[in-house]
Amino acid sequence: MNGERDDDTQSDERDDGDFSDMLSEMRILLPGAQMLSAFLIILPFNGGFAKIVHMEKLLFLATFLFALASLVLLSAPAIQHRLLRPLRDRARFKRIATRQIVAGAFALAIALVLGTDLVISEVFGATVGLAVAGVMGVLILCAWWLMPMYLKRRM
């Protein structure tokens, strides 16, 4: 009987560690999403914004919406955790929070690629903007998605 309690206690401690890791990961992603969103919020109030072509405005809109979606999804687990305290089903909450964080990271990745295209296209032209955005997309794909999948298989 005592061995069972120790296993449950160790499992709870591991769960708390996993949850702490999750919160730390959000603390790393959130500032990037916040900075990108802040930049995008002030962009339309810049005098030159009115001069950009309609297609660039649509690109801005998509970038802005993905950046805001990433903020909502990345902050959701922390807010939900606060509102649901005490957690009744910790494992379920962590599964849902993990999905929200991954979805938030995906939205942030799209916003970063679109934002790269928006900025570089304005400075160097559409062709260079698309090329650099493509490179950014490949970098994010490799660093955020492919490398972890590769490492997971090797461990």
Protein backbone atom coordinates (compact mmCIF):
# COMPACT_ATOMS: atom_id res chain seq x y z
CA MET A 1 0.00 0.00 0.00
CA ASN A 2 2.78 2.42 0.91
CA GLY A 3 4.54 1.70 -2.43
CA GLU A 4 1.38 2.75 -4.27
CA ARG A 5 1.28 6.10 -2.48
CA ASP A 6 4.94 6.71 -3.31
CA ASP A 7 4.27 5.99 -7.01
CA ASP A 8 1.30 8.39 -6.98
CA THR A 9 3.37 11.05 -5.24
CA GLN A 10 6.20 10.65 -7.74
CA SER A 11 3.71 10.78 -10.60
CA ASP A 12 2.21 14.01 -9.21
CA GLU A 13 5.69 15.49 -8.82
CA ARG A 14 6.52 14.58 -12.44
CA ASP A 15 3.22 16.09 -13.54
CA ASP A 16 4.06 19.30 -11.68
CA GLY A 17 7.48 19.34 -13.31
CA ASP A 18 5.94 18.85 -16.75
CA PHE A 19 3.46 21.62 -16.00
CA SER A 20 6.24 23.94 -14.83
CA ASP A 21 8.13 23.17 -18.05
CA MET A 22 5.02 24.02 -20.04
CA LEU A 23 4.67 27.37 -18.29
CA SER A 24 8.35 28.15 -18.89
CA GLU A 25 7.96 27.34 -22.57
CA MET A 26 5.03 29.75 -22.80
CA ARG A 27 7.15 32.44 -21.14
CA ILE A 28 9.62 32.09 -24.00
CA LEU A 29 7.06 32.17 -26.82
CA LEU A 30 4.79 34.90 -25.48
CA PRO A 31 7.23 37.84 -25.65
CA GLY A 32 7.92 37.13 -29.33
CA ALA A 33 4.21 37.04 -30.09
CA GLN A 34 3.68 40.19 -28.05
CA MET A 35 6.47 42.11 -29.79
CA LEU A 36 5.25 41.09 -33.24
CA SER A 37 1.68 42.06 -32.36
CA ALA A 38 2.81 45.41 -30.93
CA PHE A 39 4.76 46.17 -34.10
CA LEU A 40 1.76 45.26 -36.23
CA ILE A 41 -0.65 47.32 -34.09
CA ILE A 42 1.33 50.52 -34.68
CA LEU A 43 2.07 49.87 -38.36
CA PRO A 44 -1.24 51.23 -39.79
CA PHE A 45 -0.73 54.48 -37.89
CA ASN A 46 2.56 55.05 -39.69
CA GLY A 47 2.24 57.63 -42.46
CA GLY A 48 3.61 55.34 -45.15
CA PHE A 49 1.10 52.57 -44.51
CA ALA A 50 -1.60 54.27 -46.57
CA LYS A 51 0.69 54.10 -49.61
CA ILE A 52 1.10 50.31 -49.66
CA VAL A 53 -0.83 48.37 -52.28
CA HIS A 54 -3.98 46.40 -51.54
CA MET A 55 -2.16 43.03 -51.64
CA GLU A 56 0.31 44.22 -48.98
CA LYS A 57 -2.62 45.34 -46.83
CA LEU A 58 -4.12 41.85 -47.11
CA LEU A 59 -0.73 40.39 -46.16
CA PHE A 60 -0.65 42.75 -43.18
CA LEU A 61 -4.17 41.65 -42.17
CA ALA A 62 -3.26 37.96 -42.32
CA THR A 63 -0.05 38.57 -40.37
CA PHE A 64 -1.90 40.60 -37.74
CA LEU A 65 -4.64 37.99 -37.29
CA PHE A 66 -2.14 35.12 -36.97
CA ALA A 67 -0.09 37.14 -34.45
CA LEU A 68 -3.20 37.85 -32.37
CA ALA A 69 -4.30 34.22 -32.60
CA SER A 70 -0.89 33.15 -31.32
CA LEU A 71 -1.23 35.51 -28.34
CA VAL A 72 -4.66 34.14 -27.50
CA LEU A 73 -3.61 30.50 -27.84
CA LEU A 74 -0.30 30.88 -26.00
CA SER A 75 -1.84 32.74 -23.07
CA ALA A 76 -4.96 30.55 -22.84
CA PRO A 77 -3.44 27.76 -20.68
CA ALA A 78 -2.26 30.21 -18.01
CA ILE A 79 -5.64 31.93 -17.84
CA GLN A 80 -7.52 28.63 -17.90
CA HIS A 81 -5.29 27.25 -15.17
CA ARG A 82 -6.07 30.23 -12.97
CA LEU A 83 -9.83 29.96 -13.58
CA LEU A 84 -10.01 26.18 -13.14
CA ARG A 85 -8.09 26.00 -9.86
CA PRO A 86 -8.00 23.55 -8.27
CA LEU A 87 -7.54 21.30 -11.28
CA ARG A 88 -9.63 18.15 -11.09
CA ASP A 89 -8.12 16.39 -14.08
CA ARG A 90 -4.53 17.53 -14.35
CA ALA A 91 -3.56 15.12 -17.14
CA ARG A 92 -6.46 16.21 -19.35
CA PHE A 93 -5.71 19.87 -18.72
CA LYS A 94 -2.06 19.35 -19.71
CA ARG A 95 -3.09 17.58 -22.94
CA ILE A 96 -5.41 20.43 -23.88
CA ALA A 97 -2.86 23.08 -22.88
CA THR A 98 -0.18 21.34 -24.94
CA ARG A 99 -2.45 21.42 -27.99
CA GLN A 100 -3.12 25.11 -27.44
CA ILE A 101 0.58 25.91 -27.11
CA VAL A 102 1.41 23.97 -30.29
CA ALA A 103 -1.44 25.70 -32.14
CA GLY A 104 -0.19 29.05 -30.80
CA ALA A 105 3.34 28.26 -31.96
CA PHE A 106 1.97 27.30 -35.38
CA ALA A 107 0.07 30.60 -35.62
CA LEU A 108 3.20 32.45 -34.50
CA ALA A 109 5.27 30.65 -37.13
CA ILE A 110 2.86 31.71 -39.86
CA ALA A 111 2.83 35.29 -38.54
CA LEU A 112 6.65 35.35 -38.53
CA VAL A 113 6.85 34.11 -42.11
CA LEU A 114 4.17 36.54 -43.32
CA GLY A 115 5.74 39.39 -41.33
CA THR A 116 9.11 38.62 -42.88
CA ASP A 117 7.56 38.79 -46.33
CA LEU A 118 5.76 42.03 -45.48
CA VAL A 119 8.88 43.81 -44.26
CA ILE A 120 11.40 42.47 -46.78
CA SER A 121 9.03 43.03 -49.72
CA GLU A 122 8.61 46.66 -48.73
CA VAL A 123 12.36 47.19 -48.49
CA PHE A 124 13.74 44.98 -51.28
CA GLY A 125 10.77 44.04 -53.48
CA ALA A 126 8.31 41.17 -53.71
CA THR A 127 10.70 38.57 -55.11
CA VAL A 128 13.29 39.02 -52.38
CA GLY A 129 10.51 39.18 -49.78
CA LEU A 130 9.10 35.83 -50.87
CA ALA A 131 12.58 34.26 -50.96
CA VAL A 132 13.52 35.46 -47.48
CA ALA A 133 10.08 34.48 -46.12
CA GLY A 134 10.62 31.02 -47.62
CA VAL A 135 13.99 30.74 -45.90
CA MET A 136 12.38 31.84 -42.62
CA GLY A 137 9.66 29.23 -43.10
CA VAL A 138 12.22 26.48 -43.68
CA LEU A 139 14.21 27.60 -40.63
CA ILE A 140 11.10 27.51 -38.43
CA LEU A 141 10.01 24.17 -39.89
CA CYS A 142 13.41 22.63 -39.20
CA ALA A 143 14.04 24.15 -35.75
CA TRP A 144 10.54 23.95 -34.29
CA TRP A 145 9.04 20.82 -35.90
CA LEU A 146 11.47 18.54 -37.74
CA MET A 147 14.36 18.65 -35.25
CA PRO A 148 12.16 17.68 -32.27
CA MET A 149 10.61 14.83 -34.29
CA TYR A 150 14.08 13.63 -35.28
CA LEU A 151 15.37 13.86 -31.70
CA LYS A 152 12.28 12.10 -30.33
CA ARG A 153 12.89 9.13 -32.63
CA ARG A 154 16.58 8.97 -31.71
CA MET A 155 16.04 9.04 -27.95
